[in-house]
Amino acid sequence: MPDGRLLVFLYARICDATGKSIGENRLVEIRADGTLGRLVAVPLKHPLETFFSASARAGCAPSDTLDLLGEAGRTIRYAKVRIAS
């Protein structure tokens, strides 16, 4: 993030209230002391199971926007996620 925070975007397989297995994307902050912030669900219509993101390690400037390219099922999809501070 531009303010120096480190966030992780991930795919998780969970059970819903009825016990059905579903996949969803989540976002979590890794704080400077190594502890984790609250896991937040990212409600994508088609959750990305595998993905690539633009990152500072790839030469991109820190941003409050995630640009993601990945696979949802057997389809390649793009998602743009703006992170509110």
N, C-alpha and C. Protein backbone atom coordinates (compact mmCIF):
# COMPACT_ATOMS: atom_id res chain seq x y z
N MET A 1 0.85 -1.18 0.00
CA MET A 1 0.00 0.00 0.00
C MET A 1 0.89 1.24 0.00
N PRO A 2 0.41 2.34 -0.51
CA PRO A 2 1.21 3.56 -0.52
C PRO A 2 1.64 4.01 0.89
N ASP A 3 0.86 3.65 1.90
CA ASP A 3 1.19 4.04 3.27
C ASP A 3 2.15 3.06 3.96
N GLY A 4 2.65 2.07 3.22
CA GLY A 4 3.63 1.13 3.76
C GLY A 4 3.04 -0.16 4.31
N ARG A 5 1.73 -0.27 4.38
CA ARG A 5 1.13 -1.51 4.89
C ARG A 5 1.28 -2.64 3.87
N LEU A 6 1.39 -3.87 4.38
CA LEU A 6 1.50 -5.05 3.55
C LEU A 6 0.21 -5.84 3.64
N LEU A 7 -0.45 -6.06 2.49
CA LEU A 7 -1.68 -6.83 2.44
C LEU A 7 -1.47 -8.07 1.60
N VAL A 8 -2.16 -9.15 1.95
CA VAL A 8 -2.10 -10.40 1.20
C VAL A 8 -3.49 -10.69 0.66
N PHE A 9 -3.57 -10.95 -0.63
CA PHE A 9 -4.80 -11.37 -1.31
C PHE A 9 -4.68 -12.87 -1.49
N LEU A 10 -5.73 -13.63 -1.13
CA LEU A 10 -5.63 -15.08 -1.17
C LEU A 10 -6.94 -15.73 -1.57
N TYR A 11 -6.84 -16.98 -1.93
CA TYR A 11 -8.01 -17.81 -2.23
C TYR A 11 -8.18 -18.79 -1.09
N ALA A 12 -9.40 -18.94 -0.60
CA ALA A 12 -9.67 -19.88 0.50
C ALA A 12 -10.88 -20.74 0.15
N ARG A 13 -10.83 -22.00 0.51
CA ARG A 13 -11.97 -22.89 0.36
C ARG A 13 -12.55 -23.06 1.76
N ILE A 14 -13.81 -22.68 1.92
CA ILE A 14 -14.47 -22.69 3.22
C ILE A 14 -15.81 -23.43 3.11
N CYS A 15 -16.44 -23.65 4.24
CA CYS A 15 -17.79 -24.23 4.27
C CYS A 15 -18.77 -23.11 4.60
N ASP A 16 -19.87 -23.04 3.83
CA ASP A 16 -20.89 -22.03 4.13
C ASP A 16 -21.77 -22.52 5.29
N ALA A 17 -22.82 -21.78 5.61
CA ALA A 17 -23.68 -22.09 6.74
C ALA A 17 -24.36 -23.46 6.61
N THR A 18 -24.52 -23.95 5.38
CA THR A 18 -25.16 -25.25 5.17
C THR A 18 -24.16 -26.39 5.11
N GLY A 19 -22.86 -26.06 5.23
CA GLY A 19 -21.83 -27.08 5.16
C GLY A 19 -21.28 -27.32 3.76
N LYS A 20 -21.80 -26.58 2.78
CA LYS A 20 -21.33 -26.71 1.40
C LYS A 20 -19.97 -26.04 1.24
N SER A 21 -19.05 -26.70 0.56
CA SER A 21 -17.71 -26.15 0.31
C SER A 21 -17.79 -25.10 -0.80
N ILE A 22 -17.29 -23.92 -0.52
CA ILE A 22 -17.25 -22.85 -1.51
C ILE A 22 -15.86 -22.20 -1.49
N GLY A 23 -15.52 -21.55 -2.59
CA GLY A 23 -14.26 -20.84 -2.67
C GLY A 23 -14.51 -19.34 -2.66
N GLU A 24 -13.62 -18.61 -2.02
CA GLU A 24 -13.74 -17.16 -2.03
C GLU A 24 -12.36 -16.54 -1.89
N ASN A 25 -12.25 -15.29 -2.30
CA ASN A 25 -11.01 -14.54 -2.12
C ASN A 25 -11.12 -13.72 -0.85
N ARG A 26 -9.97 -13.55 -0.22
CA ARG A 26 -9.91 -12.77 1.03
C ARG A 26 -8.68 -11.88 1.00
N LEU A 27 -8.70 -10.90 1.89
CA LEU A 27 -7.60 -9.95 2.02
C LEU A 27 -7.27 -9.85 3.50
N VAL A 28 -5.96 -9.85 3.82
CA VAL A 28 -5.54 -9.73 5.22
C VAL A 28 -4.27 -8.87 5.27
N GLU A 29 -4.17 -8.06 6.31
CA GLU A 29 -2.96 -7.25 6.52
C GLU A 29 -1.98 -8.03 7.39
N ILE A 30 -0.70 -7.96 7.01
CA ILE A 30 0.37 -8.46 7.88
C ILE A 30 1.01 -7.23 8.50
N ARG A 31 0.83 -7.07 9.79
CA ARG A 31 1.32 -5.88 10.49
C ARG A 31 2.84 -5.93 10.68
N ALA A 32 3.41 -4.79 11.00
CA ALA A 32 4.87 -4.67 11.16
C ALA A 32 5.41 -5.64 12.21
N ASP A 33 4.59 -5.96 13.24
CA ASP A 33 5.05 -6.88 14.29
C ASP A 33 4.82 -8.35 13.92
N GLY A 34 4.33 -8.61 12.69
CA GLY A 34 4.12 -9.97 12.22
C GLY A 34 2.75 -10.55 12.50
N THR A 35 1.93 -9.83 13.24
CA THR A 35 0.58 -10.33 13.52
C THR A 35 -0.32 -10.07 12.31
N LEU A 36 -1.41 -10.82 12.26
CA LEU A 36 -2.36 -10.69 11.16
C LEU A 36 -3.54 -9.81 11.56
N GLY A 37 -4.00 -9.02 10.61
CA GLY A 37 -5.23 -8.25 10.80
C GLY A 37 -6.43 -9.15 10.55
N ARG A 38 -7.57 -8.56 10.44
CA ARG A 38 -8.82 -9.29 10.21
C ARG A 38 -8.89 -9.75 8.76
N LEU A 39 -9.28 -11.00 8.56
CA LEU A 39 -9.53 -11.51 7.21
C LEU A 39 -10.81 -10.88 6.68
N VAL A 40 -10.74 -10.31 5.49
CA VAL A 40 -11.90 -9.65 4.89
C VAL A 40 -12.23 -10.37 3.58
N ALA A 41 -13.48 -10.77 3.42
CA ALA A 41 -13.90 -11.41 2.18
C ALA A 41 -13.92 -10.38 1.05
N VAL A 42 -13.43 -10.77 -0.11
CA VAL A 42 -13.46 -9.94 -1.31
C VAL A 42 -14.51 -10.56 -2.22
N PRO A 43 -15.68 -9.93 -2.34
CA PRO A 43 -16.81 -10.56 -3.02
C PRO A 43 -16.75 -10.50 -4.55
N LEU A 44 -15.86 -11.29 -5.13
CA LEU A 44 -15.80 -11.37 -6.59
C LEU A 44 -16.88 -12.31 -7.09
N LYS A 45 -17.53 -11.96 -8.19
CA LYS A 45 -18.56 -12.82 -8.77
C LYS A 45 -17.99 -14.19 -9.12
N HIS A 46 -16.75 -14.20 -9.61
CA HIS A 46 -16.04 -15.44 -9.94
C HIS A 46 -14.71 -15.41 -9.20
N PRO A 47 -14.62 -16.03 -8.00
CA PRO A 47 -13.37 -16.00 -7.23
C PRO A 47 -12.20 -16.56 -8.04
N LEU A 48 -11.07 -15.89 -7.91
CA LEU A 48 -9.85 -16.31 -8.61
C LEU A 48 -9.14 -17.37 -7.78
N GLU A 49 -9.00 -18.58 -8.34
CA GLU A 49 -8.34 -19.67 -7.63
C GLU A 49 -6.83 -19.54 -7.69
N THR A 50 -6.31 -19.17 -8.84
CA THR A 50 -4.89 -18.87 -9.02
C THR A 50 -4.83 -17.52 -9.73
N PHE A 51 -3.78 -16.77 -9.47
CA PHE A 51 -3.75 -15.42 -10.03
C PHE A 51 -2.35 -14.83 -9.99
N PHE A 52 -2.17 -13.80 -10.79
CA PHE A 52 -0.98 -12.96 -10.79
C PHE A 52 -1.44 -11.56 -10.43
N SER A 53 -0.59 -10.81 -9.76
CA SER A 53 -0.93 -9.42 -9.44
C SER A 53 0.23 -8.51 -9.79
N ALA A 54 -0.10 -7.26 -10.05
CA ALA A 54 0.94 -6.25 -10.20
C ALA A 54 1.48 -5.98 -8.80
N SER A 55 2.80 -5.87 -8.65
CA SER A 55 3.37 -5.68 -7.32
C SER A 55 4.65 -4.84 -7.40
N ALA A 56 5.06 -4.36 -6.25
CA ALA A 56 6.30 -3.59 -6.18
C ALA A 56 7.50 -4.46 -6.61
N ARG A 57 7.43 -5.74 -6.30
CA ARG A 57 8.52 -6.66 -6.70
C ARG A 57 8.61 -6.78 -8.22
N ALA A 58 7.51 -6.53 -8.90
CA ALA A 58 7.51 -6.58 -10.36
C ALA A 58 7.76 -5.21 -10.99
N GLY A 59 8.10 -4.21 -10.14
CA GLY A 59 8.42 -2.89 -10.65
C GLY A 59 7.26 -1.91 -10.64
N CYS A 60 6.12 -2.30 -10.08
CA CYS A 60 4.95 -1.42 -10.02
C CYS A 60 4.99 -0.58 -8.74
N ALA A 61 4.50 0.63 -8.82
CA ALA A 61 4.45 1.49 -7.64
C ALA A 61 3.40 0.97 -6.67
N PRO A 62 3.63 1.11 -5.34
CA PRO A 62 2.60 0.73 -4.37
C PRO A 62 1.29 1.46 -4.69
N SER A 63 0.18 0.76 -4.50
CA SER A 63 -1.11 1.31 -4.89
C SER A 63 -2.21 0.80 -3.98
N ASP A 64 -3.33 1.50 -3.94
CA ASP A 64 -4.50 1.03 -3.20
C ASP A 64 -5.45 0.27 -4.13
N THR A 65 -4.95 -0.12 -5.30
CA THR A 65 -5.72 -0.90 -6.27
C THR A 65 -4.98 -2.19 -6.58
N LEU A 66 -5.71 -3.31 -6.54
CA LEU A 66 -5.16 -4.60 -6.95
C LEU A 66 -5.58 -4.85 -8.40
N ASP A 67 -4.63 -5.11 -9.27
CA ASP A 67 -4.90 -5.55 -10.63
C ASP A 67 -4.55 -7.03 -10.66
N LEU A 68 -5.56 -7.87 -10.90
CA LEU A 68 -5.38 -9.32 -10.82
C LEU A 68 -5.76 -9.99 -12.14
N LEU A 69 -4.96 -10.94 -12.54
CA LEU A 69 -5.25 -11.76 -13.70
C LEU A 69 -5.15 -13.20 -13.22
N GLY A 70 -6.22 -13.96 -13.41
CA GLY A 70 -6.18 -15.31 -12.89
C GLY A 70 -7.24 -16.21 -13.45
N GLU A 71 -7.30 -17.40 -12.85
CA GLU A 71 -8.20 -18.44 -13.30
C GLU A 71 -9.35 -18.61 -12.32
N ALA A 72 -10.55 -18.64 -12.86
CA ALA A 72 -11.76 -18.94 -12.09
C ALA A 72 -12.43 -20.08 -12.84
N GLY A 73 -12.36 -21.27 -12.26
CA GLY A 73 -12.81 -22.43 -13.01
C GLY A 73 -11.85 -22.67 -14.15
N ARG A 74 -12.35 -22.73 -15.36
CA ARG A 74 -11.49 -22.94 -16.53
C ARG A 74 -11.42 -21.69 -17.39
N THR A 75 -11.71 -20.54 -16.79
CA THR A 75 -11.75 -19.28 -17.53
C THR A 75 -10.72 -18.31 -16.96
N ILE A 76 -9.97 -17.64 -17.82
CA ILE A 76 -9.04 -16.60 -17.40
C ILE A 76 -9.84 -15.32 -17.22
N ARG A 77 -9.67 -14.65 -16.07
CA ARG A 77 -10.44 -13.45 -15.76
C ARG A 77 -9.52 -12.35 -15.23
N TYR A 78 -10.00 -11.14 -15.35
CA TYR A 78 -9.31 -9.95 -14.81
C TYR A 78 -10.20 -9.36 -13.73
N ALA A 79 -9.59 -8.91 -12.64
CA ALA A 79 -10.33 -8.22 -11.59
C ALA A 79 -9.53 -7.01 -11.14
N LYS A 80 -10.22 -5.93 -10.91
CA LYS A 80 -9.62 -4.72 -10.36
C LYS A 80 -10.31 -4.44 -9.04
N VAL A 81 -9.55 -4.43 -7.96
CA VAL A 81 -10.12 -4.28 -6.61
C VAL A 81 -9.51 -3.03 -5.98
N ARG A 82 -10.34 -2.08 -5.61
CA ARG A 82 -9.87 -0.88 -4.92
C ARG A 82 -9.98 -1.12 -3.43
N ILE A 83 -8.92 -0.84 -2.69
CA ILE A 83 -8.88 -1.07 -1.25
C ILE A 83 -9.12 0.24 -0.55
N ALA A 84 -10.19 0.29 0.25
CA ALA A 84 -10.51 1.48 1.03
C ALA A 84 -9.65 1.50 2.28
N SER A 85 -9.12 2.64 2.63
CA SER A 85 -8.26 2.74 3.83
C SER A 85 -9.06 2.69 5.09
